[in-house]
Amino acid sequence: MMNLLKPAIAYFAYLFATGFLLGTIRVLLIVPRLGERTAELLEMPFMLVAILIAARWINQQYLSSAEPFQRLGVGFIALLFMLIADFGVGVFLRGMQPLEVITSRDAVSGTVYYGMLLLFALMPWILGRKH
């Protein structure tokens, strides 16, 4: 059985770094002009492209001969890392209360955000189904 941790960490790290960069741009430049909801929704297509690129790369580099359950495992391990990191950023960098990290999202953009997290977890498996 292949080690799923290395590709999961690589997948998570690529998307976390991309999200951190885009999030910084969003908070500093777009939110003051357009508001939180619009800024977050404008960021989502860029994150979707990043998810597609990262998942394709992970599949090519680490999962070319993987079984479907292994691709799902990588995606969901990476999702776990992303949720932990998101929680950590909220609590330790933004000074939020633990429950606030989960409940403070805008109803519209927050729903899209959690949908994107699900796509993030599933994308290595989705793209791997073509082979």
Protein backbone atom coordinates (compact mmCIF):
# COMPACT_ATOMS: atom_id res chain seq x y z
CA MET A 1 0.00 0.00 0.00
CA MET A 2 1.37 3.37 -0.97
CA ASN A 3 2.09 6.13 1.50
CA LEU A 4 -0.70 8.70 1.19
CA LEU A 5 0.82 11.26 3.54
CA LYS A 6 3.44 12.73 1.18
CA PRO A 7 1.03 13.52 -1.69
CA ALA A 8 -1.59 14.77 0.78
CA ILE A 9 0.91 17.17 2.35
CA ALA A 10 2.05 18.39 -1.08
CA TYR A 11 -1.56 18.89 -2.22
CA PHE A 12 -2.48 20.72 0.98
CA ALA A 13 0.66 22.89 0.93
CA TYR A 14 0.13 24.03 -2.66
CA LEU A 15 -3.48 25.02 -2.00
CA PHE A 16 -2.81 26.55 1.40
CA ALA A 17 -0.03 28.73 -0.02
CA THR A 18 -2.23 29.77 -2.95
CA GLY A 19 -5.16 30.51 -0.65
CA PHE A 20 -2.94 32.47 1.74
CA LEU A 21 -1.61 34.61 -1.12
CA LEU A 22 -5.05 35.19 -2.66
CA GLY A 23 -6.57 35.78 0.77
CA THR A 24 -4.02 38.47 1.55
CA ILE A 25 -4.80 40.22 -1.74
CA ARG A 26 -8.53 39.83 -1.08
CA VAL A 27 -8.41 41.26 2.44
CA LEU A 28 -6.06 44.15 1.69
CA LEU A 29 -7.28 45.24 -1.74
CA ILE A 30 -10.71 43.88 -2.62
CA VAL A 31 -12.70 43.73 0.64
CA PRO A 32 -12.36 47.48 1.33
CA ARG A 33 -13.74 48.27 -2.13
CA LEU A 34 -16.36 45.57 -2.71
CA GLY A 35 -17.14 44.02 0.67
CA GLU A 36 -16.44 40.61 2.19
CA ARG A 37 -19.01 38.52 0.30
CA THR A 38 -18.18 39.83 -3.16
CA ALA A 39 -14.44 39.60 -2.52
CA GLU A 40 -14.70 35.99 -1.35
CA LEU A 41 -16.89 35.03 -4.30
CA LEU A 42 -14.46 36.67 -6.74
CA GLU A 43 -11.63 34.61 -5.25
CA MET A 44 -13.38 31.26 -5.74
CA PRO A 45 -12.76 30.78 -9.51
CA PHE A 46 -9.04 31.33 -8.95
CA MET A 47 -9.06 28.76 -6.17
CA LEU A 48 -10.92 26.30 -8.40
CA VAL A 49 -8.22 26.66 -11.06
CA ALA A 50 -5.55 26.15 -8.37
CA ILE A 51 -7.37 23.01 -7.15
CA LEU A 52 -7.51 21.61 -10.68
CA ILE A 53 -3.82 22.31 -11.32
CA ALA A 54 -2.71 20.89 -7.97
CA ALA A 55 -4.88 17.77 -8.19
CA ARG A 56 -3.68 17.04 -11.73
CA TRP A 57 -0.07 17.47 -10.63
CA ILE A 58 -0.55 15.26 -7.56
CA ASN A 59 -2.14 12.57 -9.72
CA GLN A 60 0.74 12.69 -12.21
CA GLN A 61 3.55 12.84 -9.65
CA TYR A 62 2.30 10.54 -6.91
CA LEU A 63 -0.89 8.75 -7.89
CA SER A 64 -0.41 7.62 -11.49
CA SER A 65 -0.99 3.97 -10.54
CA ALA A 66 -3.17 4.60 -7.48
CA GLU A 67 -6.50 2.98 -6.78
CA PRO A 68 -9.58 5.21 -6.48
CA PHE A 69 -9.71 4.80 -2.68
CA GLN A 70 -6.08 6.01 -2.47
CA ARG A 71 -6.92 9.15 -4.45
CA LEU A 72 -9.85 9.76 -2.10
CA GLY A 73 -7.56 9.16 0.87
CA VAL A 74 -5.08 11.77 -0.35
CA GLY A 75 -7.87 14.29 -0.90
CA PHE A 76 -9.47 13.77 2.49
CA ILE A 77 -6.15 13.76 4.37
CA ALA A 78 -5.31 17.05 2.62
CA LEU A 79 -8.77 18.34 3.61
CA LEU A 80 -8.06 17.48 7.24
CA PHE A 81 -4.81 19.47 7.07
CA MET A 82 -6.67 22.37 5.43
CA LEU A 83 -9.34 22.43 8.14
CA ILE A 84 -6.68 22.36 10.87
CA ALA A 85 -4.76 25.17 9.16
CA ASP A 86 -7.94 27.21 8.63
CA PHE A 87 -8.79 26.80 12.30
CA GLY A 88 -5.25 27.73 13.34
CA VAL A 89 -5.19 30.86 11.19
CA GLY A 90 -8.57 31.92 12.58
CA VAL A 91 -7.65 31.40 16.22
CA PHE A 92 -3.96 32.29 16.31
CA LEU A 93 -3.54 34.89 13.55
CA ARG A 94 -6.97 36.52 13.45
CA GLY A 95 -7.73 36.22 17.18
CA MET A 96 -11.09 34.52 16.67
CA GLN A 97 -12.81 32.27 19.18
CA PRO A 98 -12.78 28.57 18.12
CA LEU A 99 -16.54 28.44 17.46
CA GLU A 100 -16.37 31.75 15.62
CA VAL A 101 -13.97 30.25 13.06
CA ILE A 102 -16.74 27.89 11.96
CA THR A 103 -19.82 30.07 12.38
CA SER A 104 -18.64 33.52 11.26
CA ARG A 105 -18.66 32.89 7.51
CA ASP A 106 -21.10 34.74 5.29
CA ALA A 107 -24.12 32.58 4.42
CA VAL A 108 -23.54 32.80 0.67
CA SER A 109 -19.76 32.89 0.30
CA GLY A 110 -19.33 30.52 3.26
CA THR A 111 -21.53 27.92 1.58
CA VAL A 112 -19.48 28.26 -1.60
CA TYR A 113 -16.28 28.01 0.48
CA TYR A 114 -17.35 24.74 2.10
CA GLY A 115 -18.41 23.42 -1.30
CA MET A 116 -14.94 24.28 -2.60
CA LEU A 117 -13.40 22.37 0.29
CA LEU A 118 -15.42 19.33 -0.71
CA LEU A 119 -14.25 19.72 -4.32
CA PHE A 120 -10.69 20.06 -3.02
CA ALA A 121 -11.04 16.72 -1.22
CA LEU A 122 -12.63 14.96 -4.20
CA MET A 123 -10.60 16.40 -7.08
CA PRO A 124 -7.71 13.88 -7.11
CA TRP A 125 -10.34 11.13 -7.37
CA ILE A 126 -12.46 13.00 -9.94
CA LEU A 127 -9.48 13.67 -12.23
CA GLY A 128 -8.15 10.17 -11.67
CA ARG A 129 -11.36 8.61 -12.97
CA LYS A 130 -10.39 9.63 -16.52
CA HIS A 131 -7.55 7.10 -16.60
